[in-house]
């Protein structure tokens, strides 16, 4: 898995935008409107961990983050925008023209908690997906060790086309979490509410 620390201003805009999964771009007309969601990140993110680590995995898919509260959505949308060139560069080096993107956070739950970024992967529809690249967002990422209450954050790139609106399993060091299956019901309910709010506007 490759890490990209710098900003590449020369990356073409089209490639930067292709960091959004291609199926999502094709379904833009079906996106819920932004600014009307009420969900919190902890209602959406997949959580798992070990004795010394807590791990949070959040898809950056617009179909998901548009259902979050307005401030949270704005923050994540700005994160995608500000890191677009780095995401595009990571995708290009991995031989991809687009990617399925997640924010991954490791929290230290004990002193000297070690983490291995390569041990996080996904399973969807009987296929396993290893990260194709990573864009670190905190200095602790390169140290692979955290103090208690410290965190390391990065954007993970997986191959495009992973069906985010279908159940998938997140693994870390062989330990699975199937929490996304129940999260999908939360998202479905919130999507219906968001569309109802949008329809009731003048």
Protein backbone atom coordinates (compact mmCIF):
# COMPACT_ATOMS: atom_id res chain seq x y z
CA UNK A 1 0.00 0.00 0.00
CA UNK A 2 1.41 3.37 -1.04
CA UNK A 3 1.36 6.52 1.07
CA UNK A 4 1.17 10.01 -0.43
CA UNK A 5 2.22 12.89 1.80
CA UNK A 6 2.62 15.75 -0.66
CA UNK A 7 0.26 17.84 -2.76
CA UNK A 8 0.50 17.46 -6.52
CA UNK A 9 -0.88 20.64 -8.06
CA UNK A 10 -0.18 19.36 -11.56
CA UNK A 11 -2.76 16.55 -11.39
CA UNK A 12 -5.51 17.27 -13.97
CA UNK A 13 -8.89 18.22 -12.53
CA UNK A 14 -10.63 15.39 -14.35
CA UNK A 15 -8.36 12.86 -12.65
CA UNK A 16 -8.86 14.50 -9.27
CA UNK A 17 -12.62 14.29 -9.67
CA UNK A 18 -12.36 10.66 -10.73
CA UNK A 19 -11.41 9.82 -7.15
CA UNK A 20 -15.20 9.70 -6.70
CA UNK A 21 -16.44 6.22 -7.72
CA UNK A 22 -17.60 6.15 -11.33
CA UNK A 23 -21.01 4.57 -10.58
CA UNK A 24 -21.75 7.46 -8.21
CA UNK A 25 -20.97 10.03 -10.88
CA UNK A 26 -23.33 8.24 -13.25
CA UNK A 27 -26.12 8.35 -10.67
CA UNK A 28 -25.73 12.01 -9.72
CA UNK A 29 -29.38 12.75 -10.41
CA UNK A 30 -30.36 10.23 -7.71
CA UNK A 31 -28.27 11.80 -4.94
CA UNK A 32 -30.09 13.09 -1.88
CA UNK A 33 -29.83 16.89 -1.61
CA UNK A 34 -27.11 18.15 0.76
CA UNK A 35 -27.79 20.10 3.91
CA UNK A 36 -30.93 18.26 5.04
CA UNK A 37 -29.45 15.25 6.85
CA UNK A 38 -29.34 14.79 10.61
CA UNK A 39 -27.10 11.76 11.16
CA UNK A 40 -23.89 11.85 13.19
CA UNK A 41 -20.66 10.22 12.08
CA UNK A 42 -20.85 7.69 14.91
CA UNK A 43 -24.23 6.54 13.55
CA UNK A 44 -22.68 5.77 10.17
CA UNK A 45 -19.05 4.77 10.66
CA UNK A 46 -18.10 1.11 11.05
CA UNK A 47 -16.30 0.52 14.35
CA UNK A 48 -14.03 -2.35 15.34
CA UNK A 49 -10.85 -2.75 17.33
CA UNK A 50 -8.39 -4.67 19.44
CA UNK A 51 -7.37 -4.53 23.08
CA UNK A 52 -5.25 -1.43 22.41
CA UNK A 53 -6.94 0.14 19.37
CA UNK A 54 -10.33 1.46 18.33
CA UNK A 55 -10.84 1.78 14.58
CA UNK A 56 -13.44 3.81 12.69
CA UNK A 57 -14.13 3.40 8.96
CA UNK A 58 -16.36 5.93 7.16
CA UNK A 59 -17.20 5.86 3.43
CA UNK A 60 -16.78 9.20 1.68
CA UNK A 61 -19.47 8.31 -0.85
CA UNK A 62 -21.81 11.26 -1.46
CA UNK A 63 -24.82 8.96 -1.10
CA UNK A 64 -23.72 8.43 2.49
CA UNK A 65 -22.23 11.72 3.64
CA UNK A 66 -25.12 13.83 2.29
CA UNK A 67 -27.28 12.17 4.94
CA UNK A 68 -25.09 13.53 7.74
CA UNK A 69 -25.82 16.77 9.60
CA UNK A 70 -25.02 19.89 7.53
CA UNK A 71 -21.83 20.87 9.39
CA UNK A 72 -20.50 17.33 9.20
CA UNK A 73 -21.32 17.03 5.52
CA UNK A 74 -19.62 20.37 4.78
CA UNK A 75 -16.50 19.25 6.64
CA UNK A 76 -16.26 15.94 4.79
CA UNK A 77 -17.02 17.53 1.41
CA UNK A 78 -14.23 20.05 2.04
CA UNK A 79 -11.92 17.20 3.04
CA UNK A 80 -12.58 15.50 -0.31
CA UNK A 81 -12.08 18.75 -2.18
CA UNK A 82 -8.87 19.73 -0.40
CA UNK A 83 -7.33 16.27 -0.80
CA UNK A 84 -8.60 15.61 -4.32
CA UNK A 85 -5.21 15.99 -6.00
CA UNK A 86 -3.54 13.65 -3.52
CA UNK A 87 -6.32 11.09 -3.90
CA UNK A 88 -6.01 11.32 -7.68
CA UNK A 89 -2.22 10.90 -7.51
CA UNK A 90 -2.58 7.84 -5.27
CA UNK A 91 -5.16 6.35 -7.63
CA UNK A 92 -2.98 7.02 -10.65
CA UNK A 93 0.07 5.36 -9.09
CA UNK A 94 -2.06 2.34 -8.25
CA UNK A 95 -3.13 2.13 -11.90
CA UNK A 96 -6.69 3.30 -11.21
CA UNK A 97 -8.70 6.08 -12.83
CA UNK A 98 -11.16 6.17 -9.91
CA UNK A 99 -11.46 4.69 -6.43
CA UNK A 100 -13.83 3.86 -3.61
CA UNK A 101 -12.71 6.13 -0.78
CA UNK A 102 -12.96 5.84 3.02
CA UNK A 103 -11.69 7.84 5.99
CA UNK A 104 -10.00 5.48 8.45
CA UNK A 105 -9.14 6.51 12.01
CA UNK A 106 -7.04 4.53 14.50
CA UNK A 107 -7.46 5.56 18.17
CA UNK A 108 -4.94 4.59 20.82
CA UNK A 109 -6.73 2.96 23.75
CA UNK A 110 -3.53 2.18 25.66
CA UNK A 111 0.05 3.53 25.77
CA UNK A 112 2.28 2.51 22.85
CA UNK A 113 -0.57 1.09 20.83
CA UNK A 114 0.79 -0.21 17.54
CA UNK A 115 -1.28 -0.35 14.35
CA UNK A 116 -0.67 -1.86 10.94
CA UNK A 117 -2.38 0.07 8.10
CA UNK A 118 -2.05 -2.89 5.75
CA UNK A 119 -4.16 -5.13 8.00
CA UNK A 120 -7.39 -3.29 7.20
CA UNK A 121 -9.38 -4.63 4.25
CA UNK A 122 -12.92 -5.20 3.02
CA UNK A 123 -15.09 -8.07 1.86
CA UNK A 124 -18.08 -7.50 -0.40
CA UNK A 125 -20.17 -9.99 -2.36
CA UNK A 126 -17.70 -12.83 -1.71
CA UNK A 127 -14.69 -10.78 -2.88
CA UNK A 128 -11.86 -9.38 -0.75
CA UNK A 129 -10.45 -5.90 -1.35
CA UNK A 130 -7.07 -4.70 -0.12
CA UNK A 131 -6.33 -0.96 -0.05
CA UNK A 132 -4.73 0.25 -3.26
CA UNK A 133 -3.36 3.45 -1.73
CA UNK A 134 -3.56 5.71 1.28
CA UNK A 135 -3.38 9.47 1.81
CA UNK A 136 -2.19 10.14 5.40
CA UNK A 137 -3.78 13.08 7.18
CA UNK A 138 -1.93 13.09 10.53
CA UNK A 139 1.81 12.88 11.32
CA UNK A 140 1.26 9.85 13.56
CA UNK A 141 0.38 7.77 10.52
CA UNK A 142 3.99 7.19 9.55
CA UNK A 143 4.93 6.14 13.08
CA UNK A 144 2.41 3.24 13.25
CA UNK A 145 2.33 3.71 17.02
CA UNK A 146 -0.04 5.77 19.15
CA UNK A 147 -0.09 7.04 22.68
CA UNK A 148 -3.23 6.64 24.72
CA UNK A 149 -5.97 8.91 23.28
CA UNK A 150 -3.86 9.75 20.23
CA UNK A 151 -5.26 9.13 16.77
CA UNK A 152 -3.95 8.53 13.27
CA UNK A 153 -6.18 9.36 10.29
CA UNK A 154 -5.87 8.61 6.58
CA UNK A 155 -7.95 8.36 3.42
CA UNK A 156 -7.96 4.81 2.05
CA UNK A 157 -8.42 4.04 -1.62
CA UNK A 158 -9.97 0.78 -2.74
CA UNK A 159 -10.73 -0.33 -6.26
CA UNK A 160 -13.76 1.36 -7.86
CA UNK A 161 -17.14 -0.25 -8.01
CA UNK A 162 -17.43 -1.63 -4.47
CA UNK A 163 -21.22 -1.45 -3.85
CA UNK A 164 -21.35 0.88 -0.85
CA UNK A 165 -25.15 0.63 -0.60
CA UNK A 166 -24.89 -3.13 -0.16
CA UNK A 167 -23.62 -5.01 2.93
CA UNK A 168 -19.85 -5.31 3.26
CA UNK A 169 -17.52 -6.49 6.01
CA UNK A 170 -14.55 -4.57 7.38
CA UNK A 171 -11.59 -6.58 8.69
CA UNK A 172 -8.65 -5.53 10.81
CA UNK A 173 -6.00 -8.11 11.63
CA UNK A 174 -8.46 -10.82 10.68
CA UNK A 175 -11.23 -9.56 13.00
CA UNK A 176 -14.47 -8.74 11.15
CA UNK A 177 -17.23 -6.19 11.62
CA UNK A 178 -20.52 -6.63 9.78
CA UNK A 179 -22.02 -3.45 11.29
CA UNK A 180 -22.53 -1.87 7.87
CA UNK A 181 -25.51 -4.13 7.23
CA UNK A 182 -27.46 -2.52 10.09
CA UNK A 183 -26.11 0.92 9.14
CA UNK A 184 -27.75 0.56 5.73
CA UNK A 185 -31.17 0.52 7.42
CA UNK A 186 -30.29 3.76 9.21
CA UNK A 187 -29.24 5.30 5.91
CA UNK A 188 -32.39 4.12 4.12
CA UNK A 189 -34.61 5.67 6.80
CA UNK A 190 -32.68 8.94 6.79
CA UNK A 191 -32.70 9.11 2.98
CA UNK A 192 -36.50 8.88 3.02
CA UNK A 193 -36.67 11.68 5.58
CA UNK A 194 -34.27 13.87 3.61
CA UNK A 195 -36.29 13.43 0.42
CA UNK A 196 -39.48 14.24 2.33
CA UNK A 197 -37.89 17.41 3.71
CA UNK A 198 -36.76 18.40 0.23
CA UNK A 199 -40.22 17.78 -1.21
CA UNK A 200 -41.86 19.94 1.46
CA UNK A 201 -39.73 22.97 0.65
CA UNK A 202 -41.40 25.78 -1.33
